[in-house]
């Protein structure tokens, strides 16, 4: 579904809370599936434990329209995931 949405210009952030996309060297099928997913969606896998988030949502652009769009996207992410994150 994410690959189809990407084809229509929808941008997304996918949080792999269960580690389903974690690279397993003993499972070549999993590696193929991950490669296909990344290729189809034009995304990249970021392991936040080992590297920084590649975007900074706090950067302020000179264009107010871009700032509004970024603020909207961040607020939407928080609305979507906050209930699932729990107290911690």
PDB file of N, CA and C in Angstrom:
ATOM      1  N   UNK A   1       0.829  -1.182   0.000  1.00  0.00           N
ATOM      2  CA  UNK A   1       0.000   0.000   0.000  1.00  0.00           C
ATOM      3  C   UNK A   1       0.879   1.254   0.000  1.00  0.00           C
ATOM      4  N   UNK A   2       1.976   1.234   0.774  1.00  0.00           N
ATOM      5  CA  UNK A   2       2.855   2.401   0.801  1.00  0.00           C
ATOM      6  C   UNK A   2       3.488   2.654  -0.562  1.00  0.00           C
ATOM      7  N   UNK A   3       3.826   1.582  -1.277  1.00  0.00           N
ATOM      8  CA  UNK A   3       4.389   1.743  -2.620  1.00  0.00           C
ATOM      9  C   UNK A   3       3.364   2.391  -3.555  1.00  0.00           C
ATOM     10  N   UNK A   4       2.109   2.015  -3.440  1.00  0.00           N
ATOM     11  CA  UNK A   4       1.059   2.614  -4.265  1.00  0.00           C
ATOM     12  C   UNK A   4       0.862   4.082  -3.915  1.00  0.00           C
ATOM     13  N   UNK A   5       0.856   4.404  -2.634  1.00  0.00           N
ATOM     14  CA  UNK A   5       0.692   5.795  -2.220  1.00  0.00           C
ATOM     15  C   UNK A   5       1.860   6.653  -2.700  1.00  0.00           C
ATOM     16  N   UNK A   6       3.065   6.095  -2.632  1.00  0.00           N
ATOM     17  CA  UNK A   6       4.245   6.821  -3.103  1.00  0.00           C
ATOM     18  C   UNK A   6       4.098   7.157  -4.583  1.00  0.00           C
ATOM     19  N   UNK A   7       3.523   6.244  -5.346  1.00  0.00           N
ATOM     20  CA  UNK A   7       3.292   6.483  -6.768  1.00  0.00           C
ATOM     21  C   UNK A   7       2.360   7.650  -7.030  1.00  0.00           C
ATOM     22  N   UNK A   8       1.548   8.019  -6.032  1.00  0.00           N
ATOM     23  CA  UNK A   8       0.625   9.150  -6.150  1.00  0.00           C
ATOM     24  C   UNK A   8       1.161  10.404  -5.466  1.00  0.00           C
ATOM     25  N   UNK A   9       2.451  10.365  -5.099  1.00  0.00           N
ATOM     26  CA  UNK A   9       3.075  11.547  -4.519  1.00  0.00           C
ATOM     27  C   UNK A   9       2.902  11.712  -3.022  1.00  0.00           C
ATOM     28  N   UNK A  10       2.360  10.701  -2.351  1.00  0.00           N
ATOM     29  CA  UNK A  10       2.171  10.786  -0.904  1.00  0.00           C
ATOM     30  C   UNK A  10       3.506  10.512  -0.218  1.00  0.00           C
ATOM     31  N   UNK A  11       3.904  11.399   0.682  1.00  0.00           N
ATOM     32  CA  UNK A  11       5.125  11.211   1.456  1.00  0.00           C
ATOM     33  C   UNK A  11       4.756  10.599   2.802  1.00  0.00           C
ATOM     34  N   UNK A  12       5.655   9.810   3.364  1.00  0.00           N
ATOM     35  CA  UNK A  12       5.337   9.144   4.614  1.00  0.00           C
ATOM     36  C   UNK A  12       6.587   8.884   5.434  1.00  0.00           C
ATOM     37  N   UNK A  13       6.376   8.640   6.707  1.00  0.00           N
ATOM     38  CA  UNK A  13       7.399   8.145   7.613  1.00  0.00           C
ATOM     39  C   UNK A  13       6.859   6.836   8.161  1.00  0.00           C
ATOM     40  N   UNK A  14       7.652   5.801   8.068  1.00  0.00           N
ATOM     41  CA  UNK A  14       7.236   4.480   8.522  1.00  0.00           C
ATOM     42  C   UNK A  14       8.103   4.091   9.712  1.00  0.00           C
ATOM     43  N   UNK A  15       7.483   3.884  10.861  1.00  0.00           N
ATOM     44  CA  UNK A  15       8.202   3.461  12.053  1.00  0.00           C
ATOM     45  C   UNK A  15       8.063   1.954  12.194  1.00  0.00           C
ATOM     46  N   UNK A  16       9.175   1.248  12.129  1.00  0.00           N
ATOM     47  CA  UNK A  16       9.190  -0.203  12.237  1.00  0.00           C
ATOM     48  C   UNK A  16       9.327  -0.583  13.707  1.00  0.00           C
ATOM     49  N   UNK A  17       8.230  -0.489  14.445  1.00  0.00           N
ATOM     50  CA  UNK A  17       8.242  -0.717  15.886  1.00  0.00           C
ATOM     51  C   UNK A  17       8.566  -2.172  16.251  1.00  0.00           C
ATOM     52  N   UNK A  18       8.284  -3.117  15.353  1.00  0.00           N
ATOM     53  CA  UNK A  18       8.518  -4.528  15.647  1.00  0.00           C
ATOM     54  C   UNK A  18       9.818  -5.054  15.055  1.00  0.00           C
ATOM     55  N   UNK A  19      10.577  -4.197  14.375  1.00  0.00           N
ATOM     56  CA  UNK A  19      11.841  -4.625  13.790  1.00  0.00           C
ATOM     57  C   UNK A  19      11.690  -5.542  12.600  1.00  0.00           C
ATOM     58  N   UNK A  20      10.573  -5.454  11.903  1.00  0.00           N
ATOM     59  CA  UNK A  20      10.327  -6.340  10.768  1.00  0.00           C
ATOM     60  C   UNK A  20      11.263  -6.070   9.592  1.00  0.00           C
ATOM     61  N   UNK A  21      11.768  -4.848   9.482  1.00  0.00           N
ATOM     62  CA  UNK A  21      12.674  -4.523   8.390  1.00  0.00           C
ATOM     63  C   UNK A  21      14.144  -4.628   8.794  1.00  0.00           C
ATOM     64  N   UNK A  22      14.393  -5.003  10.023  1.00  0.00           N
ATOM     65  CA  UNK A  22      15.768  -5.151  10.503  1.00  0.00           C
ATOM     66  C   UNK A  22      16.490  -6.174   9.636  1.00  0.00           C
ATOM     67  N   UNK A  23      17.709  -5.860   9.250  1.00  0.00           N
ATOM     68  CA  UNK A  23      18.469  -6.730   8.362  1.00  0.00           C
ATOM     69  C   UNK A  23      18.865  -8.022   9.082  1.00  0.00           C
ATOM     70  N   UNK A  24      18.449  -9.132   8.510  1.00  0.00           N
ATOM     71  CA  UNK A  24      18.782 -10.446   9.059  1.00  0.00           C
ATOM     72  C   UNK A  24      19.670 -11.167   8.050  1.00  0.00           C
ATOM     73  N   UNK A  25      20.981 -11.258   8.310  1.00  0.00           N
ATOM     74  CA  UNK A  25      21.886 -11.883   7.337  1.00  0.00           C
ATOM     75  C   UNK A  25      21.577 -13.356   7.071  1.00  0.00           C
ATOM     76  N   UNK A  26      20.833 -14.001   7.958  1.00  0.00           N
ATOM     77  CA  UNK A  26      20.481 -15.412   7.772  1.00  0.00           C
ATOM     78  C   UNK A  26      19.219 -15.609   6.953  1.00  0.00           C
ATOM     79  N   UNK A  27      18.596 -14.509   6.541  1.00  0.00           N
ATOM     80  CA  UNK A  27      17.333 -14.601   5.813  1.00  0.00           C
ATOM     81  C   UNK A  27      17.426 -13.818   4.499  1.00  0.00           C
ATOM     82  N   UNK A  28      17.858 -14.462   3.421  1.00  0.00           N
ATOM     83  CA  UNK A  28      17.989 -13.752   2.141  1.00  0.00           C
ATOM     84  C   UNK A  28      16.655 -13.231   1.607  1.00  0.00           C
ATOM     85  N   UNK A  29      15.555 -13.917   1.908  1.00  0.00           N
ATOM     86  CA  UNK A  29      14.231 -13.466   1.467  1.00  0.00           C
ATOM     87  C   UNK A  29      13.882 -12.130   2.115  1.00  0.00           C
ATOM     88  N   UNK A  30      14.204 -11.986   3.402  1.00  0.00           N
ATOM     89  CA  UNK A  30      13.932 -10.737   4.109  1.00  0.00           C
ATOM     90  C   UNK A  30      14.720  -9.595   3.493  1.00  0.00           C
ATOM     91  N   UNK A  31      15.987  -9.852   3.149  1.00  0.00           N
ATOM     92  CA  UNK A  31      16.827  -8.825   2.538  1.00  0.00           C
ATOM     93  C   UNK A  31      16.261  -8.412   1.172  1.00  0.00           C
ATOM     94  N   UNK A  32      15.787  -9.370   0.404  1.00  0.00           N
ATOM     95  CA  UNK A  32      15.164  -9.067  -0.900  1.00  0.00           C
ATOM     96  C   UNK A  32      13.897  -8.237  -0.721  1.00  0.00           C
ATOM     97  N   UNK A  33      13.082  -8.615   0.244  1.00  0.00           N
ATOM     98  CA  UNK A  33      11.836  -7.888   0.514  1.00  0.00           C
ATOM     99  C   UNK A  33      12.130  -6.450   0.918  1.00  0.00           C
ATOM    100  N   UNK A  34      13.107  -6.263   1.791  1.00  0.00           N
ATOM    101  CA  UNK A  34      13.487  -4.917   2.215  1.00  0.00           C
ATOM    102  C   UNK A  34      14.002  -4.106   1.030  1.00  0.00           C
ATOM    103  N   UNK A  35      14.868  -4.680   0.221  1.00  0.00           N
ATOM    104  CA  UNK A  35      15.405  -3.971  -0.949  1.00  0.00           C
ATOM    105  C   UNK A  35      14.293  -3.567  -1.903  1.00  0.00           C
ATOM    106  N   UNK A  36      13.350  -4.467  -2.145  1.00  0.00           N
ATOM    107  CA  UNK A  36      12.231  -4.183  -3.038  1.00  0.00           C
ATOM    108  C   UNK A  36      11.357  -3.056  -2.479  1.00  0.00           C
ATOM    109  N   UNK A  37      11.077  -3.102  -1.166  1.00  0.00           N
ATOM    110  CA  UNK A  37      10.273  -2.064  -0.517  1.00  0.00           C
ATOM    111  C   UNK A  37      10.953  -0.705  -0.648  1.00  0.00           C
ATOM    112  N   UNK A  38      12.239  -0.640  -0.352  1.00  0.00           N
ATOM    113  CA  UNK A  38      12.963   0.631  -0.428  1.00  0.00           C
ATOM    114  C   UNK A  38      13.006   1.162  -1.858  1.00  0.00           C
ATOM    115  N   UNK A  39      13.186   0.274  -2.809  1.00  0.00           N
ATOM    116  CA  UNK A  39      13.227   0.679  -4.222  1.00  0.00           C
ATOM    117  C   UNK A  39      11.858   1.174  -4.701  1.00  0.00           C
ATOM    118  N   UNK A  40      10.808   0.449  -4.377  1.00  0.00           N
ATOM    119  CA  UNK A  40       9.466   0.816  -4.832  1.00  0.00           C
ATOM    120  C   UNK A  40       8.987   2.126  -4.232  1.00  0.00           C
ATOM    121  N   UNK A  41       9.363   2.388  -2.995  1.00  0.00           N
ATOM    122  CA  UNK A  41       8.882   3.590  -2.325  1.00  0.00           C
ATOM    123  C   UNK A  41       9.852   4.763  -2.441  1.00  0.00           C
ATOM    124  N   UNK A  42      11.067   4.511  -2.930  1.00  0.00           N
ATOM    125  CA  UNK A  42      12.051   5.577  -3.029  1.00  0.00           C
ATOM    126  C   UNK A  42      12.499   6.065  -1.665  1.00  0.00           C
ATOM    127  N   UNK A  43      12.479   5.171  -0.681  1.00  0.00           N
ATOM    128  CA  UNK A  43      12.826   5.538   0.689  1.00  0.00           C
ATOM    129  C   UNK A  43      14.169   4.951   1.068  1.00  0.00           C
ATOM    130  N   UNK A  44      14.582   5.271   2.271  1.00  0.00           N
ATOM    131  CA  UNK A  44      15.772   4.632   2.810  1.00  0.00           C
ATOM    132  C   UNK A  44      15.514   4.260   4.254  1.00  0.00           C
ATOM    133  N   UNK A  45      16.183   3.219   4.689  1.00  0.00           N
ATOM    134  CA  UNK A  45      16.034   2.701   6.044  1.00  0.00           C
ATOM    135  C   UNK A  45      17.010   3.428   6.956  1.00  0.00           C
ATOM    136  N   UNK A  46      16.496   4.000   8.036  1.00  0.00           N
ATOM    137  CA  UNK A  46      17.328   4.712   8.999  1.00  0.00           C
ATOM    138  C   UNK A  46      17.188   4.020  10.341  1.00  0.00           C
ATOM    139  N   UNK A  47      18.293   3.565  10.874  1.00  0.00           N
ATOM    140  CA  UNK A  47      18.286   2.935  12.203  1.00  0.00           C
ATOM    141  C   UNK A  47      18.674   4.019  13.195  1.00  0.00           C
ATOM    142  N   UNK A  48      17.682   4.584  13.865  1.00  0.00           N
ATOM    143  CA  UNK A  48      17.890   5.758  14.706  1.00  0.00           C
ATOM    144  C   UNK A  48      18.834   5.499  15.879  1.00  0.00           C
ATOM    145  N   UNK A  49      19.008   4.268  16.247  1.00  0.00           N
ATOM    146  CA  UNK A  49      19.939   3.942  17.331  1.00  0.00           C
ATOM    147  C   UNK A  49      21.372   4.197  16.871  1.00  0.00           C
ATOM    148  N   UNK A  50      21.628   4.029  15.574  1.00  0.00           N
ATOM    149  CA  UNK A  50      22.986   4.146  15.052  1.00  0.00           C
ATOM    150  C   UNK A  50      23.250   5.449  14.301  1.00  0.00           C
ATOM    151  N   UNK A  51      22.224   6.133  13.836  1.00  0.00           N
ATOM    152  CA  UNK A  51      22.435   7.359  13.068  1.00  0.00           C
ATOM    153  C   UNK A  51      21.336   8.369  13.370  1.00  0.00           C
ATOM    154  N   UNK A  52      21.619   9.618  13.050  1.00  0.00           N
ATOM    155  CA  UNK A  52      20.664  10.687  13.307  1.00  0.00           C
ATOM    156  C   UNK A  52      19.536  10.675  12.285  1.00  0.00           C
ATOM    157  N   UNK A  53      18.435  11.286  12.662  1.00  0.00           N
ATOM    158  CA  UNK A  53      17.324  11.473  11.745  1.00  0.00           C
ATOM    159  C   UNK A  53      17.793  12.379  10.607  1.00  0.00           C
ATOM    160  N   UNK A  54      17.562  11.995   9.360  1.00  0.00           N
ATOM    161  CA  UNK A  54      18.113  12.769   8.236  1.00  0.00           C
ATOM    162  C   UNK A  54      17.392  14.096   7.971  1.00  0.00           C
ATOM    163  N   UNK A  55      16.353  14.393   8.730  1.00  0.00           N
ATOM    164  CA  UNK A  55      15.669  15.678   8.565  1.00  0.00           C
ATOM    165  C   UNK A  55      15.617  16.373   9.915  1.00  0.00           C
ATOM    166  N   UNK A  56      15.539  17.665   9.889  1.00  0.00           N
ATOM    167  CA  UNK A  56      15.389  18.427  11.124  1.00  0.00           C
ATOM    168  C   UNK A  56      14.077  19.194  11.021  1.00  0.00           C
ATOM    169  N   UNK A  57      13.052  18.762  11.761  1.00  0.00           N
ATOM    170  CA  UNK A  57      11.749  19.422  11.653  1.00  0.00           C
ATOM    171  C   UNK A  57      11.724  20.823  12.252  1.00  0.00           C
ATOM    172  N   UNK A  58      12.802  21.206  12.940  1.00  0.00           N
ATOM    173  CA  UNK A  58      12.831  22.510  13.576  1.00  0.00           C
ATOM    174  C   UNK A  58      13.478  23.590  12.699  1.00  0.00           C
ATOM    175  N   UNK A  59      13.984  23.198  11.535  1.00  0.00           N
ATOM    176  CA  UNK A  59      14.594  24.180  10.630  1.00  0.00           C
ATOM    177  C   UNK A  59      13.516  25.119  10.122  1.00  0.00           C
ATOM    178  N   UNK A  60      13.827  26.380  10.140  1.00  0.00           N
ATOM    179  CA  UNK A  60      12.874  27.383   9.676  1.00  0.00           C
ATOM    180  C   UNK A  60      13.286  27.859   8.290  1.00  0.00           C
ATOM    181  N   UNK A  61      12.390  27.713   7.340  1.00  0.00           N
ATOM    182  CA  UNK A  61      12.642  28.147   5.965  1.00  0.00           C
ATOM    183  C   UNK A  61      12.217  29.600   5.801  1.00  0.00           C
ATOM    184  N   UNK A  62      12.841  30.313   4.873  1.00  0.00           N
ATOM    185  CA  UNK A  62      12.425  31.691   4.629  1.00  0.00           C
ATOM    186  C   UNK A  62      11.026  31.779   4.016  1.00  0.00           C
ATOM    187  N   UNK A  63      10.577  30.707   3.403  1.00  0.00           N
ATOM    188  CA  UNK A  63       9.271  30.686   2.756  1.00  0.00           C
ATOM    189  C   UNK A  63       8.200  30.279   3.773  1.00  0.00           C
ATOM    190  N   UNK A  64       7.242  31.170   4.107  1.00  0.00           N
ATOM    191  CA  UNK A  64       6.209  30.838   5.090  1.00  0.00           C
ATOM    192  C   UNK A  64       5.336  29.653   4.691  1.00  0.00           C
ATOM    193  N   UNK A  65       5.151  29.447   3.392  1.00  0.00           N
ATOM    194  CA  UNK A  65       4.347  28.313   2.933  1.00  0.00           C
ATOM    195  C   UNK A  65       5.036  26.998   3.283  1.00  0.00           C
ATOM    196  N   UNK A  66       6.358  26.937   3.096  1.00  0.00           N
ATOM    197  CA  UNK A  66       7.104  25.727   3.457  1.00  0.00           C
ATOM    198  C   UNK A  66       7.045  25.490   4.959  1.00  0.00           C
ATOM    199  N   UNK A  67       7.168  26.557   5.742  1.00  0.00           N
ATOM    200  CA  UNK A  67       7.079  26.420   7.195  1.00  0.00           C
ATOM    201  C   UNK A  67       5.723  25.868   7.607  1.00  0.00           C
ATOM    202  N   UNK A  68       4.677  26.358   6.999  1.00  0.00           N
ATOM    203  CA  UNK A  68       3.331  25.888   7.324  1.00  0.00           C
ATOM    204  C   UNK A  68       3.178  24.410   6.961  1.00  0.00           C
ATOM    205  N   UNK A  69       3.717  24.012   5.815  1.00  0.00           N
ATOM    206  CA  UNK A  69       3.627  22.618   5.382  1.00  0.00           C
ATOM    207  C   UNK A  69       4.383  21.706   6.343  1.00  0.00           C
ATOM    208  N   UNK A  70       5.582  22.102   6.735  1.00  0.00           N
ATOM    209  CA  UNK A  70       6.373  21.301   7.673  1.00  0.00           C
ATOM    210  C   UNK A  70       5.647  21.188   9.013  1.00  0.00           C
ATOM    211  N   UNK A  71       5.123  22.293   9.516  1.00  0.00           N
ATOM    212  CA  UNK A  71       4.395  22.279  10.786  1.00  0.00           C
ATOM    213  C   UNK A  71       3.179  21.358  10.698  1.00  0.00           C
ATOM    214  N   UNK A  72       2.472  21.405   9.582  1.00  0.00           N
ATOM    215  CA  UNK A  72       1.304  20.541   9.387  1.00  0.00           C
ATOM    216  C   UNK A  72       1.719  19.071   9.415  1.00  0.00           C
ATOM    217  N   UNK A  73       2.805  18.733   8.699  1.00  0.00           N
ATOM    218  CA  UNK A  73       3.250  17.342   8.634  1.00  0.00           C
ATOM    219  C   UNK A  73       3.714  16.836   9.995  1.00  0.00           C
ATOM    220  N   UNK A  74       4.425  17.668  10.754  1.00  0.00           N
ATOM    221  CA  UNK A  74       4.872  17.263  12.085  1.00  0.00           C
ATOM    222  C   UNK A  74       3.675  17.052  13.008  1.00  0.00           C
ATOM    223  N   UNK A  75       2.735  17.971  12.980  1.00  0.00           N
ATOM    224  CA  UNK A  75       1.540  17.840  13.818  1.00  0.00           C
ATOM    225  C   UNK A  75       0.766  16.577  13.450  1.00  0.00           C
ATOM    226  N   UNK A  76       0.681  16.284  12.170  1.00  0.00           N
ATOM    227  CA  UNK A  76      -0.023  15.084  11.726  1.00  0.00           C
ATOM    228  C   UNK A  76       0.690  13.828  12.230  1.00  0.00           C
ATOM    229  N   UNK A  77       2.020  13.800  12.166  1.00  0.00           N
ATOM    230  CA  UNK A  77       2.767  12.656  12.685  1.00  0.00           C
ATOM    231  C   UNK A  77       2.488  12.450  14.167  1.00  0.00           C
ATOM    232  N   UNK A  78       2.507  13.524  14.910  1.00  0.00           N
ATOM    233  CA  UNK A  78       2.271  13.421  16.351  1.00  0.00           C
ATOM    234  C   UNK A  78       0.857  12.920  16.619  1.00  0.00           C
ATOM    235  N   UNK A  79      -0.127  13.460  15.882  1.00  0.00           N
ATOM    236  CA  UNK A  79      -1.514  12.997  16.065  1.00  0.00           C
ATOM    237  C   UNK A  79      -1.643  11.508  15.765  1.00  0.00           C
ATOM    238  N   UNK A  80      -0.945  11.026  14.753  1.00  0.00           N
ATOM    239  CA  UNK A  80      -1.059   9.624  14.351  1.00  0.00           C
ATOM    240  C   UNK A  80      -0.395   8.680  15.327  1.00  0.00           C
ATOM    241  N   UNK A  81       0.761   9.050  15.848  1.00  0.00           N
ATOM    242  CA  UNK A  81       1.547   8.106  16.626  1.00  0.00           C
ATOM    243  C   UNK A  81       1.494   8.310  18.129  1.00  0.00           C
ATOM    244  N   UNK A  82       1.105   9.473  18.603  1.00  0.00           N
ATOM    245  CA  UNK A  82       1.111   9.739  20.045  1.00  0.00           C
ATOM    246  C   UNK A  82       0.288   8.717  20.835  1.00  0.00           C
ATOM    247  N   UNK A  83      -0.910   8.335  20.389  1.00  0.00           N
ATOM    248  CA  UNK A  83      -1.686   7.362  21.166  1.00  0.00           C
ATOM    249  C   UNK A  83      -1.006   6.008  21.295  1.00  0.00           C
ATOM    250  N   UNK A  84      -0.163   5.660  20.321  1.00  0.00           N
ATOM    251  CA  UNK A  84       0.484   4.355  20.335  1.00  0.00           C
ATOM    252  C   UNK A  84       1.793   4.345  21.126  1.00  0.00           C
ATOM    253  N   UNK A  85       2.331   5.516  21.440  1.00  0.00           N
ATOM    254  CA  UNK A  85       3.642   5.573  22.094  1.00  0.00           C
ATOM    255  C   UNK A  85       3.567   5.331  23.591  1.00  0.00           C
ATOM    256  N   UNK A  86       2.433   5.567  24.206  1.00  0.00           N
ATOM    257  CA  UNK A  86       2.296   5.324  25.637  1.00  0.00           C
ATOM    258  C   UNK A  86       2.900   6.428  26.484  1.00  0.00           C
ATOM    259  N   UNK A  87       2.950   6.208  27.772  1.00  0.00           N
ATOM    260  CA  UNK A  87       3.394   7.230  28.721  1.00  0.00           C
ATOM    261  C   UNK A  87       4.867   7.578  28.557  1.00  0.00           C
ATOM    262  N   UNK A  88       5.683   6.607  28.244  1.00  0.00           N
ATOM    263  CA  UNK A  88       7.115   6.881  28.106  1.00  0.00           C
ATOM    264  C   UNK A  88       7.411   7.584  26.815  1.00  0.00           C
TER     265      UNK A  88
END
